[in-house]
Amino acid sequence: MDEAGSKDGVRIDLWLWAARFYKTRSLAKQAVTGGKAKIGDQDVKPSRVVRPGDRLAVRRGEEVFEIEVLALSEKRGSAPVAQALYAESPESIARRAAEREKKR
């Protein structure tokens, strides 16, 4: 199913691209390599496999998303499809909203 050879997981760089956190897979790979995407509190390599239930911290610009992987995809779909792949924690949503308000 995926390049890592696991049938129940997808490479993190591919998943981040499919979930629309980054516009290209190359940008997703650079972000993972640069430490902007973590599983738990661990830095990972772009080939690391994510599975449903994994908790990720994804930094995009100045925003940090704390999410849980709900579903897997190797293909980039529409925004509603991409949003169904993960759930953002309420604390993460509140923190990002507070930081947006601070900047105003």
N, C-alpha and C. Protein backbone atom coordinates (compact mmCIF):
# COMPACT_ATOMS: atom_id res chain seq x y z
N MET A 1 0.81 -1.20 0.00
CA MET A 1 0.00 0.00 0.00
C MET A 1 0.85 1.26 0.00
N ASP A 2 1.91 1.30 0.79
CA ASP A 2 2.74 2.50 0.82
C ASP A 2 4.19 2.13 0.60
N GLU A 3 5.04 3.16 0.54
CA GLU A 3 6.44 2.93 0.22
C GLU A 3 7.20 2.28 1.36
N ALA A 4 6.70 2.36 2.57
CA ALA A 4 7.39 1.76 3.70
C ALA A 4 7.10 0.26 3.80
N GLY A 5 6.14 -0.22 3.00
CA GLY A 5 5.86 -1.64 2.96
C GLY A 5 4.86 -2.11 4.00
N SER A 6 4.29 -1.21 4.76
CA SER A 6 3.32 -1.59 5.77
C SER A 6 1.92 -1.45 5.20
N LYS A 7 1.04 -2.41 5.50
CA LYS A 7 -0.30 -2.29 4.95
C LYS A 7 -1.24 -1.50 5.86
N ASP A 8 -0.79 -1.13 7.05
CA ASP A 8 -1.67 -0.36 7.93
C ASP A 8 -1.10 1.01 8.26
N GLY A 9 -0.26 1.55 7.40
CA GLY A 9 0.31 2.86 7.64
C GLY A 9 0.71 3.54 6.35
N VAL A 10 0.98 4.84 6.47
CA VAL A 10 1.39 5.67 5.33
C VAL A 10 2.57 6.52 5.79
N ARG A 11 3.51 6.76 4.89
CA ARG A 11 4.64 7.63 5.22
C ARG A 11 4.12 8.98 5.71
N ILE A 12 4.79 9.55 6.71
CA ILE A 12 4.32 10.80 7.29
C ILE A 12 4.36 11.95 6.29
N ASP A 13 5.37 12.00 5.43
CA ASP A 13 5.43 13.10 4.45
C ASP A 13 4.27 13.00 3.46
N LEU A 14 3.95 11.80 3.05
CA LEU A 14 2.83 11.59 2.13
C LEU A 14 1.50 11.91 2.81
N TRP A 15 1.34 11.50 4.06
CA TRP A 15 0.10 11.77 4.79
C TRP A 15 -0.10 13.27 5.02
N LEU A 16 0.96 13.98 5.41
CA LEU A 16 0.84 15.43 5.63
C LEU A 16 0.43 16.16 4.36
N TRP A 17 0.93 15.70 3.22
CA TRP A 17 0.56 16.28 1.94
C TRP A 17 -0.90 15.96 1.62
N ALA A 18 -1.31 14.71 1.81
CA ALA A 18 -2.69 14.30 1.53
C ALA A 18 -3.67 15.01 2.45
N ALA A 19 -3.25 15.29 3.69
CA ALA A 19 -4.12 15.98 4.66
C ALA A 19 -4.08 17.50 4.47
N ARG A 20 -3.35 17.97 3.46
CA ARG A 20 -3.30 19.38 3.08
C ARG A 20 -2.65 20.29 4.11
N PHE A 21 -1.68 19.77 4.84
CA PHE A 21 -0.90 20.64 5.72
C PHE A 21 0.17 21.38 4.91
N TYR A 22 0.61 20.77 3.82
CA TYR A 22 1.62 21.37 2.95
C TYR A 22 1.17 21.23 1.50
N LYS A 23 1.52 22.22 0.67
CA LYS A 23 1.06 22.25 -0.72
C LYS A 23 1.70 21.18 -1.59
N THR A 24 2.93 20.81 -1.28
CA THR A 24 3.60 19.78 -2.08
C THR A 24 4.19 18.72 -1.15
N ARG A 25 4.42 17.55 -1.70
CA ARG A 25 5.03 16.49 -0.91
C ARG A 25 6.47 16.87 -0.55
N SER A 26 7.12 17.59 -1.45
CA SER A 26 8.48 18.06 -1.19
C SER A 26 8.52 18.98 0.03
N LEU A 27 7.56 19.90 0.13
CA LEU A 27 7.49 20.78 1.30
C LEU A 27 7.21 19.98 2.57
N ALA A 28 6.36 18.98 2.47
CA ALA A 28 6.06 18.13 3.63
C ALA A 28 7.31 17.39 4.07
N LYS A 29 8.08 16.88 3.11
CA LYS A 29 9.31 16.16 3.43
C LYS A 29 10.32 17.10 4.10
N GLN A 30 10.45 18.33 3.58
CA GLN A 30 11.36 19.31 4.18
C GLN A 30 10.93 19.66 5.60
N ALA A 31 9.63 19.78 5.82
CA ALA A 31 9.12 20.11 7.15
C ALA A 31 9.44 18.99 8.14
N VAL A 32 9.25 17.75 7.73
CA VAL A 32 9.55 16.62 8.61
C VAL A 32 11.04 16.57 8.91
N THR A 33 11.85 16.73 7.87
CA THR A 33 13.31 16.72 8.04
C THR A 33 13.76 17.86 8.95
N GLY A 34 13.08 19.01 8.85
CA GLY A 34 13.43 20.18 9.65
C GLY A 34 12.86 20.17 11.05
N GLY A 35 12.21 19.08 11.46
CA GLY A 35 11.69 18.97 12.82
C GLY A 35 10.37 19.68 13.04
N LYS A 36 9.64 20.01 11.97
CA LYS A 36 8.37 20.72 12.11
C LYS A 36 7.17 19.78 12.23
N ALA A 37 7.41 18.49 12.15
CA ALA A 37 6.36 17.50 12.35
C ALA A 37 6.93 16.43 13.27
N LYS A 38 6.18 16.16 14.34
CA LYS A 38 6.64 15.18 15.32
C LYS A 38 5.52 14.22 15.64
N ILE A 39 5.90 13.01 15.98
CA ILE A 39 4.94 12.03 16.48
C ILE A 39 5.21 11.93 17.97
N GLY A 40 4.21 12.25 18.76
CA GLY A 40 4.44 12.40 20.19
C GLY A 40 5.36 13.58 20.37
N ASP A 41 6.46 13.40 21.05
CA ASP A 41 7.46 14.46 21.18
C ASP A 41 8.73 14.10 20.43
N GLN A 42 8.65 13.11 19.56
CA GLN A 42 9.84 12.64 18.86
C GLN A 42 9.95 13.21 17.46
N ASP A 43 11.15 13.67 17.11
CA ASP A 43 11.44 14.02 15.72
C ASP A 43 11.43 12.72 14.93
N VAL A 44 10.97 12.78 13.70
CA VAL A 44 10.90 11.58 12.87
C VAL A 44 11.49 11.86 11.49
N LYS A 45 11.73 10.79 10.77
CA LYS A 45 12.21 10.90 9.38
C LYS A 45 10.99 10.87 8.45
N PRO A 46 11.14 11.39 7.23
CA PRO A 46 10.01 11.39 6.29
C PRO A 46 9.47 10.00 5.97
N SER A 47 10.27 8.97 6.13
CA SER A 47 9.81 7.62 5.83
C SER A 47 9.04 6.98 6.99
N ARG A 48 8.95 7.66 8.11
CA ARG A 48 8.24 7.12 9.29
C ARG A 48 6.78 6.89 8.94
N VAL A 49 6.25 5.76 9.32
CA VAL A 49 4.87 5.39 9.02
C VAL A 49 3.95 5.91 10.12
N VAL A 50 2.85 6.56 9.71
CA VAL A 50 1.82 6.97 10.66
C VAL A 50 0.65 6.00 10.56
N ARG A 51 -0.02 5.84 11.66
CA ARG A 51 -1.17 4.93 11.74
C ARG A 51 -2.31 5.65 12.45
N PRO A 52 -3.54 5.22 12.24
CA PRO A 52 -4.65 5.83 12.99
C PRO A 52 -4.38 5.74 14.49
N GLY A 53 -4.65 6.84 15.17
CA GLY A 53 -4.41 6.90 16.61
C GLY A 53 -3.12 7.63 16.97
N ASP A 54 -2.21 7.79 16.00
CA ASP A 54 -0.97 8.54 16.28
C ASP A 54 -1.30 10.01 16.56
N ARG A 55 -0.57 10.59 17.49
CA ARG A 55 -0.73 12.02 17.80
C ARG A 55 0.47 12.77 17.22
N LEU A 56 0.16 13.78 16.42
CA LEU A 56 1.19 14.56 15.75
C LEU A 56 1.16 16.01 16.21
N ALA A 57 2.32 16.63 16.20
CA ALA A 57 2.44 18.08 16.38
C ALA A 57 3.03 18.59 15.08
N VAL A 58 2.28 19.45 14.38
CA VAL A 58 2.70 19.94 13.07
C VAL A 58 2.81 21.45 13.12
N ARG A 59 4.01 21.96 12.82
CA ARG A 59 4.22 23.41 12.77
C ARG A 59 4.14 23.85 11.32
N ARG A 60 3.26 24.80 11.07
CA ARG A 60 3.12 25.37 9.72
C ARG A 60 3.16 26.88 9.88
N GLY A 61 4.27 27.47 9.49
CA GLY A 61 4.47 28.89 9.74
C GLY A 61 4.61 29.10 11.23
N GLU A 62 3.79 29.96 11.78
CA GLU A 62 3.83 30.20 13.23
C GLU A 62 2.78 29.39 13.97
N GLU A 63 1.94 28.67 13.24
CA GLU A 63 0.88 27.89 13.87
C GLU A 63 1.37 26.48 14.19
N VAL A 64 0.93 25.97 15.33
CA VAL A 64 1.23 24.60 15.71
C VAL A 64 -0.11 23.87 15.87
N PHE A 65 -0.26 22.79 15.11
CA PHE A 65 -1.47 21.98 15.17
C PHE A 65 -1.16 20.72 15.96
N GLU A 66 -1.96 20.41 16.96
CA GLU A 66 -1.86 19.14 17.68
C GLU A 66 -3.04 18.31 17.23
N ILE A 67 -2.73 17.22 16.52
CA ILE A 67 -3.78 16.45 15.89
C ILE A 67 -3.64 14.96 16.20
N GLU A 68 -4.74 14.25 15.98
CA GLU A 68 -4.73 12.80 16.05
C GLU A 68 -5.11 12.27 14.67
N VAL A 69 -4.36 11.31 14.19
CA VAL A 69 -4.63 10.70 12.89
C VAL A 69 -5.86 9.81 13.02
N LEU A 70 -6.88 10.09 12.20
CA LEU A 70 -8.11 9.29 12.22
C LEU A 70 -8.17 8.29 11.07
N ALA A 71 -7.61 8.69 9.92
CA ALA A 71 -7.67 7.84 8.73
C ALA A 71 -6.40 8.04 7.91
N LEU A 72 -6.17 7.13 7.00
CA LEU A 72 -4.98 7.19 6.16
C LEU A 72 -5.36 7.48 4.71
N SER A 73 -4.46 8.16 4.01
CA SER A 73 -4.64 8.39 2.59
C SER A 73 -3.29 8.64 1.96
N GLU A 74 -3.12 8.12 0.77
CA GLU A 74 -1.91 8.38 -0.01
C GLU A 74 -2.22 9.34 -1.15
N LYS A 75 -3.49 9.72 -1.28
CA LYS A 75 -3.90 10.61 -2.36
C LYS A 75 -4.45 11.90 -1.77
N ARG A 76 -4.12 13.00 -2.42
CA ARG A 76 -4.60 14.31 -2.00
C ARG A 76 -6.01 14.50 -2.55
N GLY A 77 -6.95 14.75 -1.67
CA GLY A 77 -8.33 14.96 -2.08
C GLY A 77 -8.76 16.39 -1.79
N SER A 78 -10.05 16.60 -1.83
CA SER A 78 -10.60 17.92 -1.54
C SER A 78 -10.41 18.25 -0.06
N ALA A 79 -10.59 19.52 0.28
CA ALA A 79 -10.39 19.95 1.67
C ALA A 79 -11.28 19.18 2.65
N PRO A 80 -12.58 18.98 2.38
CA PRO A 80 -13.40 18.22 3.33
C PRO A 80 -12.89 16.78 3.53
N VAL A 81 -12.42 16.17 2.45
CA VAL A 81 -11.88 14.81 2.56
C VAL A 81 -10.61 14.84 3.41
N ALA A 82 -9.75 15.83 3.17
CA ALA A 82 -8.50 15.95 3.93
C ALA A 82 -8.78 16.18 5.41
N GLN A 83 -9.76 17.01 5.73
CA GLN A 83 -10.07 17.30 7.13
C GLN A 83 -10.62 16.08 7.86
N ALA A 84 -11.16 15.13 7.13
CA ALA A 84 -11.67 13.90 7.75
C ALA A 84 -10.54 12.96 8.14
N LEU A 85 -9.31 13.24 7.71
CA LEU A 85 -8.18 12.37 8.03
C LEU A 85 -7.65 12.58 9.44
N TYR A 86 -8.01 13.69 10.08
CA TYR A 86 -7.46 14.00 11.40
C TYR A 86 -8.47 14.77 12.25
N ALA A 87 -8.19 14.81 13.55
CA ALA A 87 -8.98 15.62 14.49
C ALA A 87 -8.00 16.47 15.28
N GLU A 88 -8.25 17.77 15.29
CA GLU A 88 -7.39 18.67 16.06
C GLU A 88 -7.93 18.76 17.48
N SER A 89 -7.02 18.76 18.46
CA SER A 89 -7.45 18.81 19.85
C SER A 89 -8.08 20.17 20.16
N PRO A 90 -9.07 20.20 21.06
CA PRO A 90 -9.70 21.48 21.44
C PRO A 90 -8.69 22.49 22.00
N GLU A 91 -7.69 21.99 22.73
CA GLU A 91 -6.67 22.89 23.29
C GLU A 91 -5.88 23.55 22.17
N SER A 92 -5.56 22.79 21.13
CA SER A 92 -4.81 23.32 19.99
C SER A 92 -5.63 24.38 19.26
N ILE A 93 -6.92 24.12 19.06
CA ILE A 93 -7.79 25.09 18.39
C ILE A 93 -7.86 26.39 19.20
N ALA A 94 -8.04 26.26 20.51
CA ALA A 94 -8.13 27.44 21.37
C ALA A 94 -6.82 28.22 21.38
N ARG A 95 -5.70 27.52 21.44
CA ARG A 95 -4.39 28.19 21.46
C ARG A 95 -4.14 28.96 20.17
N ARG A 96 -4.47 28.34 19.03
CA ARG A 96 -4.27 29.01 17.75
C ARG A 96 -5.18 30.23 17.61
N ALA A 97 -6.42 30.13 18.11
CA ALA A 97 -7.35 31.27 18.06
C ALA A 97 -6.84 32.40 18.95
N ALA A 98 -6.33 32.07 20.14
CA ALA A 98 -5.80 33.08 21.05
C ALA A 98 -4.59 33.80 20.43
N GLU A 99 -3.74 33.05 19.77
CA GLU A 99 -2.56 33.66 19.14
C GLU A 99 -2.95 34.55 17.98
N ARG A 100 -3.98 34.17 17.23
CA ARG A 100 -4.47 35.03 16.14
C ARG A 100 -5.01 36.34 16.70
N GLU A 101 -5.73 36.26 17.81
CA GLU A 101 -6.29 37.47 18.45
C GLU A 101 -5.18 38.37 18.96
N LYS A 102 -4.11 37.79 19.52
CA LYS A 102 -2.98 38.57 20.01
C LYS A 102 -2.35 39.40 18.89
N LYS A 103 -2.28 38.81 17.71
CA LYS A 103 -1.64 39.49 16.58
C LYS A 103 -2.47 40.66 16.06
N ARG A 104 -3.75 40.68 16.35
CA ARG A 104 -4.62 41.76 15.86
C ARG A 104 -4.41 43.02 16.62
